[in-house]
Amino acid sequence: MINLVISPSFESTIPQKVILKSAEAVLLHERKDVDLSIVISDNQELQRLNREFLGHDAPTDVLSFPLGEIDPDTQRLYAGDVIISWEKVVEQAQKSGHSLECELALLVIHGVLHLFGYDHATKDEKQEMWQIQGDILKNLGCDPQILPE
């Protein structure tokens, strides 16, 4: 199950279907049947979380908090939480010249892959993660060229 939490100030503008389809595409790719949460918030909240948990006092586009524990209520694996700044989605889509939907899909895919242990700290890790992101984006109808260098 994908639990979607959207800040009330953005609720009417967020394409929720894009979020769900993107997360489901990652789950299908990874052959995972898990629960997770995706939160859409703002730069202020992402900056607070980035500072508190990573020591970086700046807003960011997406943060992932892997958990990987069994939920005592459902007895299902809870993979963790992905938090995305809607303001960054808009800013990065405009800057890069692609759609809000594809930028949002990219950040959802990126965040969910982090929940499953993917990273981009080394050249090999980045190559693997970018390949998977590109394949999923393409399957969702987005140009994989939107991936940042």
N, C-alpha and C. Protein backbone atom coordinates (compact mmCIF):
# COMPACT_ATOMS: atom_id res chain seq x y z
N MET A 1 0.83 -1.18 0.00
CA MET A 1 0.00 0.00 0.00
C MET A 1 0.88 1.25 0.00
N ILE A 2 0.49 2.20 -0.78
CA ILE A 2 1.20 3.47 -0.84
C ILE A 2 0.34 4.51 -0.13
N ASN A 3 0.87 5.02 0.96
CA ASN A 3 0.19 6.06 1.72
C ASN A 3 0.66 7.41 1.19
N LEU A 4 -0.25 8.20 0.70
CA LEU A 4 0.09 9.49 0.10
C LEU A 4 -0.40 10.60 1.02
N VAL A 5 0.54 11.49 1.40
CA VAL A 5 0.22 12.63 2.26
C VAL A 5 0.66 13.89 1.52
N ILE A 6 -0.29 14.77 1.28
CA ILE A 6 0.00 16.00 0.53
C ILE A 6 -0.34 17.20 1.39
N SER A 7 0.60 18.13 1.47
CA SER A 7 0.37 19.37 2.20
C SER A 7 -0.90 20.03 1.65
N PRO A 8 -1.81 20.46 2.54
CA PRO A 8 -3.08 21.06 2.08
C PRO A 8 -2.89 22.24 1.12
N SER A 9 -1.80 22.97 1.26
CA SER A 9 -1.61 24.13 0.38
C SER A 9 -1.33 23.73 -1.07
N PHE A 10 -0.95 22.49 -1.31
CA PHE A 10 -0.65 22.03 -2.67
C PHE A 10 -1.65 21.00 -3.18
N GLU A 11 -2.54 20.56 -2.33
CA GLU A 11 -3.38 19.41 -2.63
C GLU A 11 -4.11 19.48 -3.97
N SER A 12 -4.61 20.65 -4.32
CA SER A 12 -5.40 20.76 -5.55
C SER A 12 -4.53 20.78 -6.82
N THR A 13 -3.22 21.01 -6.68
CA THR A 13 -2.37 21.12 -7.87
C THR A 13 -1.51 19.88 -8.12
N ILE A 14 -1.48 18.95 -7.21
CA ILE A 14 -0.59 17.79 -7.31
C ILE A 14 -1.26 16.69 -8.14
N PRO A 15 -0.59 16.20 -9.17
CA PRO A 15 -1.13 15.07 -9.94
C PRO A 15 -0.88 13.75 -9.18
N GLN A 16 -1.83 13.41 -8.31
CA GLN A 16 -1.66 12.25 -7.43
C GLN A 16 -1.47 10.95 -8.21
N LYS A 17 -2.12 10.84 -9.35
CA LYS A 17 -2.01 9.63 -10.17
C LYS A 17 -0.55 9.40 -10.60
N VAL A 18 0.17 10.47 -10.91
CA VAL A 18 1.58 10.36 -11.30
C VAL A 18 2.41 9.78 -10.16
N ILE A 19 2.14 10.24 -8.95
CA ILE A 19 2.88 9.75 -7.78
C ILE A 19 2.65 8.26 -7.60
N LEU A 20 1.40 7.86 -7.63
CA LEU A 20 1.06 6.46 -7.41
C LEU A 20 1.60 5.56 -8.51
N LYS A 21 1.43 5.97 -9.77
CA LYS A 21 1.95 5.17 -10.89
C LYS A 21 3.47 5.03 -10.83
N SER A 22 4.15 6.10 -10.45
CA SER A 22 5.62 6.08 -10.38
C SER A 22 6.09 5.15 -9.28
N ALA A 23 5.49 5.26 -8.11
CA ALA A 23 5.87 4.39 -6.99
C ALA A 23 5.55 2.93 -7.32
N GLU A 24 4.38 2.69 -7.90
CA GLU A 24 4.01 1.32 -8.27
C GLU A 24 4.96 0.75 -9.32
N ALA A 25 5.44 1.59 -10.23
CA ALA A 25 6.39 1.12 -11.24
C ALA A 25 7.70 0.65 -10.61
N VAL A 26 8.14 1.36 -9.57
CA VAL A 26 9.35 0.93 -8.86
C VAL A 26 9.10 -0.37 -8.13
N LEU A 27 7.96 -0.48 -7.46
CA LEU A 27 7.63 -1.72 -6.75
C LEU A 27 7.58 -2.90 -7.71
N LEU A 28 7.00 -2.70 -8.87
CA LEU A 28 6.94 -3.74 -9.89
C LEU A 28 8.34 -4.10 -10.37
N HIS A 29 9.15 -3.10 -10.66
CA HIS A 29 10.52 -3.34 -11.12
C HIS A 29 11.33 -4.13 -10.09
N GLU A 30 11.15 -3.77 -8.84
CA GLU A 30 11.92 -4.41 -7.76
C GLU A 30 11.25 -5.69 -7.24
N ARG A 31 10.07 -5.99 -7.78
CA ARG A 31 9.31 -7.16 -7.33
C ARG A 31 9.10 -7.13 -5.81
N LYS A 32 8.63 -5.99 -5.33
CA LYS A 32 8.41 -5.78 -3.91
C LYS A 32 6.92 -5.57 -3.64
N ASP A 33 6.44 -6.18 -2.60
CA ASP A 33 5.07 -5.96 -2.13
C ASP A 33 5.19 -5.43 -0.71
N VAL A 34 5.35 -4.13 -0.60
CA VAL A 34 5.61 -3.48 0.68
C VAL A 34 4.71 -2.25 0.82
N ASP A 35 4.67 -1.73 2.02
CA ASP A 35 3.99 -0.47 2.27
C ASP A 35 5.03 0.64 2.36
N LEU A 36 4.64 1.84 1.95
CA LEU A 36 5.51 3.01 2.06
C LEU A 36 4.66 4.25 2.05
N SER A 37 5.26 5.35 2.47
CA SER A 37 4.57 6.64 2.45
C SER A 37 5.33 7.62 1.56
N ILE A 38 4.56 8.42 0.86
CA ILE A 38 5.13 9.51 0.07
C ILE A 38 4.44 10.79 0.55
N VAL A 39 5.26 11.74 0.97
CA VAL A 39 4.77 13.00 1.50
C VAL A 39 5.18 14.11 0.55
N ILE A 40 4.23 14.95 0.16
CA ILE A 40 4.54 16.10 -0.66
C ILE A 40 4.42 17.33 0.25
N SER A 41 5.53 18.05 0.38
CA SER A 41 5.58 19.18 1.30
C SER A 41 6.21 20.38 0.59
N ASP A 42 6.89 21.22 1.36
CA ASP A 42 7.47 22.44 0.80
C ASP A 42 8.95 22.53 1.13
N ASN A 43 9.59 23.55 0.58
CA ASN A 43 11.03 23.74 0.80
C ASN A 43 11.39 23.89 2.27
N GLN A 44 10.55 24.58 3.02
CA GLN A 44 10.83 24.81 4.43
C GLN A 44 10.92 23.49 5.20
N GLU A 45 9.97 22.61 4.95
CA GLU A 45 9.98 21.31 5.64
C GLU A 45 11.16 20.45 5.19
N LEU A 46 11.45 20.44 3.89
CA LEU A 46 12.60 19.66 3.41
C LEU A 46 13.91 20.20 3.96
N GLN A 47 14.02 21.52 4.09
CA GLN A 47 15.22 22.11 4.68
C GLN A 47 15.35 21.69 6.15
N ARG A 48 14.24 21.71 6.89
CA ARG A 48 14.28 21.31 8.29
C ARG A 48 14.73 19.85 8.43
N LEU A 49 14.15 18.98 7.63
CA LEU A 49 14.51 17.56 7.68
C LEU A 49 15.95 17.33 7.22
N ASN A 50 16.36 18.02 6.18
CA ASN A 50 17.72 17.90 5.66
C ASN A 50 18.73 18.33 6.72
N ARG A 51 18.42 19.41 7.43
CA ARG A 51 19.29 19.90 8.50
C ARG A 51 19.32 18.92 9.67
N GLU A 52 18.13 18.49 10.08
CA GLU A 52 18.01 17.63 11.26
C GLU A 52 18.64 16.25 11.06
N PHE A 53 18.44 15.65 9.89
CA PHE A 53 18.88 14.28 9.70
C PHE A 53 20.18 14.13 8.92
N LEU A 54 20.51 15.11 8.06
CA LEU A 54 21.71 14.99 7.25
C LEU A 54 22.73 16.09 7.51
N GLY A 55 22.36 17.07 8.32
CA GLY A 55 23.29 18.14 8.64
C GLY A 55 23.50 19.17 7.54
N HIS A 56 22.60 19.19 6.55
CA HIS A 56 22.68 20.16 5.45
C HIS A 56 21.57 21.18 5.62
N ASP A 57 21.93 22.43 5.89
CA ASP A 57 20.93 23.46 6.15
C ASP A 57 20.52 24.14 4.85
N ALA A 58 19.85 23.37 4.00
CA ALA A 58 19.37 23.88 2.71
C ALA A 58 18.20 23.01 2.27
N PRO A 59 17.27 23.60 1.53
CA PRO A 59 16.18 22.76 1.01
C PRO A 59 16.72 21.80 -0.04
N THR A 60 16.05 20.70 -0.22
CA THR A 60 16.42 19.73 -1.24
C THR A 60 15.14 19.23 -1.89
N ASP A 61 15.27 18.51 -2.98
CA ASP A 61 14.08 18.08 -3.71
C ASP A 61 13.43 16.83 -3.13
N VAL A 62 14.23 15.86 -2.68
CA VAL A 62 13.66 14.62 -2.18
C VAL A 62 14.55 14.04 -1.08
N LEU A 63 13.91 13.50 -0.06
CA LEU A 63 14.60 12.79 1.02
C LEU A 63 13.92 11.45 1.20
N SER A 64 14.72 10.44 1.49
CA SER A 64 14.19 9.10 1.75
C SER A 64 14.64 8.64 3.12
N PHE A 65 13.72 8.02 3.81
CA PHE A 65 13.99 7.49 5.14
C PHE A 65 13.60 6.01 5.17
N PRO A 66 14.55 5.14 4.80
CA PRO A 66 14.26 3.70 4.80
C PRO A 66 13.98 3.20 6.22
N LEU A 67 13.03 2.31 6.34
CA LEU A 67 12.73 1.72 7.64
C LEU A 67 12.92 0.21 7.59
N GLY A 68 12.22 -0.46 6.69
CA GLY A 68 12.39 -1.89 6.54
C GLY A 68 11.98 -2.71 7.75
N GLU A 69 10.88 -2.34 8.39
CA GLU A 69 10.39 -3.08 9.56
C GLU A 69 8.97 -3.55 9.31
N ILE A 70 8.59 -4.57 10.04
CA ILE A 70 7.22 -5.09 9.94
C ILE A 70 6.29 -4.18 10.75
N ASP A 71 5.22 -3.73 10.09
CA ASP A 71 4.22 -2.92 10.77
C ASP A 71 3.43 -3.83 11.71
N PRO A 72 3.41 -3.52 13.01
CA PRO A 72 2.72 -4.41 13.95
C PRO A 72 1.21 -4.50 13.71
N ASP A 73 0.62 -3.48 13.10
CA ASP A 73 -0.82 -3.50 12.85
C ASP A 73 -1.18 -4.35 11.63
N THR A 74 -0.39 -4.23 10.57
CA THR A 74 -0.74 -4.92 9.31
C THR A 74 0.09 -6.19 9.08
N GLN A 75 1.19 -6.33 9.80
CA GLN A 75 2.12 -7.45 9.61
C GLN A 75 2.76 -7.42 8.22
N ARG A 76 2.78 -6.24 7.60
CA ARG A 76 3.43 -6.06 6.29
C ARG A 76 4.73 -5.29 6.47
N LEU A 77 5.64 -5.51 5.55
CA LEU A 77 6.90 -4.78 5.57
C LEU A 77 6.64 -3.32 5.22
N TYR A 78 7.12 -2.43 6.08
CA TYR A 78 7.02 -0.99 5.83
C TYR A 78 8.39 -0.53 5.36
N ALA A 79 8.50 -0.16 4.07
CA ALA A 79 9.79 0.19 3.47
C ALA A 79 10.33 1.52 3.99
N GLY A 80 9.46 2.50 4.24
CA GLY A 80 9.90 3.79 4.73
C GLY A 80 9.13 4.94 4.12
N ASP A 81 9.71 6.14 4.25
CA ASP A 81 9.05 7.36 3.82
C ASP A 81 9.90 8.11 2.79
N VAL A 82 9.21 8.68 1.82
CA VAL A 82 9.82 9.56 0.82
C VAL A 82 9.14 10.91 0.97
N ILE A 83 9.94 11.97 1.13
CA ILE A 83 9.39 13.32 1.26
C ILE A 83 9.90 14.15 0.10
N ILE A 84 8.99 14.82 -0.59
CA ILE A 84 9.32 15.59 -1.80
C ILE A 84 8.85 17.03 -1.62
N SER A 85 9.67 17.97 -2.06
CA SER A 85 9.29 19.38 -2.06
C SER A 85 8.59 19.71 -3.37
N TRP A 86 7.29 20.06 -3.29
CA TRP A 86 6.56 20.46 -4.49
C TRP A 86 7.18 21.71 -5.12
N GLU A 87 7.68 22.62 -4.28
CA GLU A 87 8.31 23.83 -4.81
C GLU A 87 9.53 23.48 -5.66
N LYS A 88 10.30 22.49 -5.24
CA LYS A 88 11.46 22.06 -6.03
C LYS A 88 11.02 21.36 -7.31
N VAL A 89 9.93 20.60 -7.25
CA VAL A 89 9.42 19.96 -8.47
C VAL A 89 9.14 21.04 -9.52
N VAL A 90 8.41 22.08 -9.11
CA VAL A 90 8.05 23.15 -10.04
C VAL A 90 9.30 23.87 -10.55
N GLU A 91 10.19 24.23 -9.64
CA GLU A 91 11.41 24.95 -10.00
C GLU A 91 12.28 24.14 -10.96
N GLN A 92 12.49 22.88 -10.67
CA GLN A 92 13.38 22.04 -11.49
C GLN A 92 12.76 21.72 -12.85
N ALA A 93 11.45 21.54 -12.90
CA ALA A 93 10.79 21.29 -14.18
C ALA A 93 10.90 22.52 -15.08
N GLN A 94 10.67 23.70 -14.51
CA GLN A 94 10.77 24.93 -15.29
C GLN A 94 12.20 25.16 -15.77
N LYS A 95 13.16 24.95 -14.89
CA LYS A 95 14.56 25.16 -15.22
C LYS A 95 15.03 24.21 -16.32
N SER A 96 14.55 22.97 -16.25
CA SER A 96 14.99 21.95 -17.21
C SER A 96 14.14 21.89 -18.47
N GLY A 97 12.99 22.53 -18.44
CA GLY A 97 12.13 22.57 -19.62
C GLY A 97 11.34 21.30 -19.86
N HIS A 98 11.06 20.52 -18.82
CA HIS A 98 10.20 19.37 -19.00
C HIS A 98 8.98 19.48 -18.09
N SER A 99 8.07 18.55 -18.22
CA SER A 99 6.78 18.66 -17.52
C SER A 99 6.90 18.45 -16.02
N LEU A 100 5.97 19.04 -15.31
CA LEU A 100 5.87 18.82 -13.86
C LEU A 100 5.66 17.34 -13.57
N GLU A 101 4.85 16.69 -14.39
CA GLU A 101 4.55 15.27 -14.17
C GLU A 101 5.82 14.42 -14.25
N CYS A 102 6.66 14.69 -15.24
CA CYS A 102 7.89 13.89 -15.38
C CYS A 102 8.90 14.21 -14.29
N GLU A 103 8.98 15.45 -13.88
CA GLU A 103 9.88 15.81 -12.76
C GLU A 103 9.40 15.13 -11.48
N LEU A 104 8.10 15.16 -11.25
CA LEU A 104 7.54 14.51 -10.07
C LEU A 104 7.78 13.00 -10.13
N ALA A 105 7.57 12.41 -11.28
CA ALA A 105 7.82 10.97 -11.45
C ALA A 105 9.28 10.64 -11.13
N LEU A 106 10.19 11.45 -11.65
CA LEU A 106 11.62 11.23 -11.39
C LEU A 106 11.91 11.23 -9.90
N LEU A 107 11.40 12.21 -9.18
CA LEU A 107 11.69 12.32 -7.75
C LEU A 107 11.06 11.18 -6.94
N VAL A 108 9.86 10.77 -7.34
CA VAL A 108 9.23 9.62 -6.67
C VAL A 108 10.07 8.37 -6.91
N ILE A 109 10.43 8.12 -8.15
CA ILE A 109 11.24 6.94 -8.50
C ILE A 109 12.55 6.97 -7.73
N HIS A 110 13.22 8.11 -7.75
CA HIS A 110 14.51 8.28 -7.08
C HIS A 110 14.37 7.97 -5.58
N GLY A 111 13.37 8.57 -4.95
CA GLY A 111 13.18 8.38 -3.53
C GLY A 111 12.84 6.95 -3.15
N VAL A 112 11.98 6.31 -3.93
CA VAL A 112 11.60 4.94 -3.61
C VAL A 112 12.78 4.00 -3.83
N LEU A 113 13.57 4.23 -4.86
CA LEU A 113 14.77 3.40 -5.06
C LEU A 113 15.71 3.51 -3.86
N HIS A 114 15.84 4.69 -3.29
CA HIS A 114 16.67 4.84 -2.09
C HIS A 114 16.13 3.98 -0.94
N LEU A 115 14.82 3.83 -0.85
CA LEU A 115 14.25 2.98 0.20
C LEU A 115 14.73 1.54 0.08
N PHE A 116 15.04 1.13 -1.14
CA PHE A 116 15.47 -0.24 -1.40
C PHE A 116 16.99 -0.39 -1.46
N GLY A 117 17.69 0.64 -1.00
CA GLY A 117 19.14 0.53 -0.88
C GLY A 117 19.95 1.05 -2.04
N TYR A 118 19.31 1.55 -3.07
CA TYR A 118 20.07 2.13 -4.19
C TYR A 118 20.66 3.45 -3.76
N ASP A 119 21.85 3.75 -4.30
CA ASP A 119 22.52 5.00 -3.97
C ASP A 119 23.29 5.46 -5.19
N HIS A 120 23.88 6.63 -5.08
CA HIS A 120 24.65 7.18 -6.19
C HIS A 120 25.93 7.83 -5.68
N ALA A 121 26.49 7.24 -4.62
CA ALA A 121 27.71 7.79 -4.02
C ALA A 121 28.95 7.47 -4.86
N THR A 122 28.92 6.35 -5.57
CA THR A 122 30.05 5.99 -6.42
C THR A 122 29.59 6.00 -7.88
N LYS A 123 30.54 5.99 -8.78
CA LYS A 123 30.22 6.01 -10.21
C LYS A 123 29.40 4.78 -10.61
N ASP A 124 29.77 3.61 -10.10
CA ASP A 124 29.04 2.38 -10.43
C ASP A 124 27.62 2.40 -9.87
N GLU A 125 27.47 2.86 -8.62
CA GLU A 125 26.15 2.95 -8.01
C GLU A 125 25.25 3.91 -8.81
N LYS A 126 25.83 5.04 -9.16
CA LYS A 126 25.07 6.04 -9.91
C LYS A 126 24.64 5.49 -11.27
N GLN A 127 25.55 4.80 -11.93
CA GLN A 127 25.23 4.23 -13.25
C GLN A 127 24.06 3.24 -13.14
N GLU A 128 24.10 2.39 -12.13
CA GLU A 128 23.02 1.42 -11.93
C GLU A 128 21.70 2.12 -11.61
N MET A 129 21.74 3.08 -10.68
CA MET A 129 20.51 3.77 -10.26
C MET A 129 19.93 4.59 -11.42
N TRP A 130 20.78 5.28 -12.15
CA TRP A 130 20.31 6.10 -13.28
C TRP A 130 19.73 5.22 -14.38
N GLN A 131 20.29 4.05 -14.61
CA GLN A 131 19.75 3.13 -15.62
C GLN A 131 18.34 2.69 -15.25
N ILE A 132 18.16 2.31 -13.99
CA ILE A 132 16.83 1.89 -13.53
C ILE A 132 15.84 3.04 -13.62
N GLN A 133 16.26 4.22 -13.15
CA GLN A 133 15.37 5.39 -13.21
C GLN A 133 14.99 5.69 -14.66
N GLY A 134 15.97 5.65 -15.54
CA GLY A 134 15.71 5.92 -16.95
C GLY A 134 14.73 4.93 -17.57
N ASP A 135 14.90 3.65 -17.24
CA ASP A 135 14.00 2.62 -17.77
C ASP A 135 12.57 2.83 -17.27
N ILE A 136 12.43 3.13 -15.99
CA ILE A 136 11.09 3.33 -15.43
C ILE A 136 10.46 4.59 -16.00
N LEU A 137 11.25 5.68 -16.10
CA LEU A 137 10.72 6.91 -16.69
C LEU A 137 10.22 6.67 -18.11
N LYS A 138 11.01 5.96 -18.89
CA LYS A 138 10.63 5.67 -20.27
C LYS A 138 9.32 4.89 -20.31
N ASN A 139 9.19 3.89 -19.42
CA ASN A 139 7.95 3.11 -19.37
C ASN A 139 6.75 3.95 -18.97
N LEU A 140 6.99 5.04 -18.25
CA LEU A 140 5.91 5.94 -17.84
C LEU A 140 5.64 7.04 -18.87
N GLY A 141 6.40 7.03 -19.96
CA GLY A 141 6.19 8.02 -21.02
C GLY A 141 7.00 9.29 -20.87
N CYS A 142 8.02 9.27 -20.00
CA CYS A 142 8.88 10.43 -19.81
C CYS A 142 10.22 10.18 -20.49
N ASP A 143 10.82 11.22 -20.96
CA ASP A 143 12.13 11.15 -21.59
C ASP A 143 13.20 10.88 -20.53
N PRO A 144 13.92 9.76 -20.63
CA PRO A 144 14.96 9.48 -19.61
C PRO A 144 16.10 10.50 -19.63
N GLN A 145 16.13 11.36 -20.63
CA GLN A 145 17.18 12.39 -20.69
C GLN A 145 17.00 13.46 -19.62
N ILE A 146 15.88 13.42 -18.89
CA ILE A 146 15.68 14.41 -17.82
C ILE A 146 16.55 14.12 -16.60
N LEU A 147 17.18 12.96 -16.57
CA LEU A 147 18.03 12.62 -15.43
C LEU A 147 19.18 13.61 -15.34
N PRO A 148 19.44 14.14 -14.14
CA PRO A 148 20.56 15.08 -13.99
C PRO A 148 21.89 14.36 -14.18
N GLU A 149 22.88 15.13 -14.58
CA GLU A 149 24.22 14.54 -14.79
C GLU A 149 24.79 14.07 -13.53
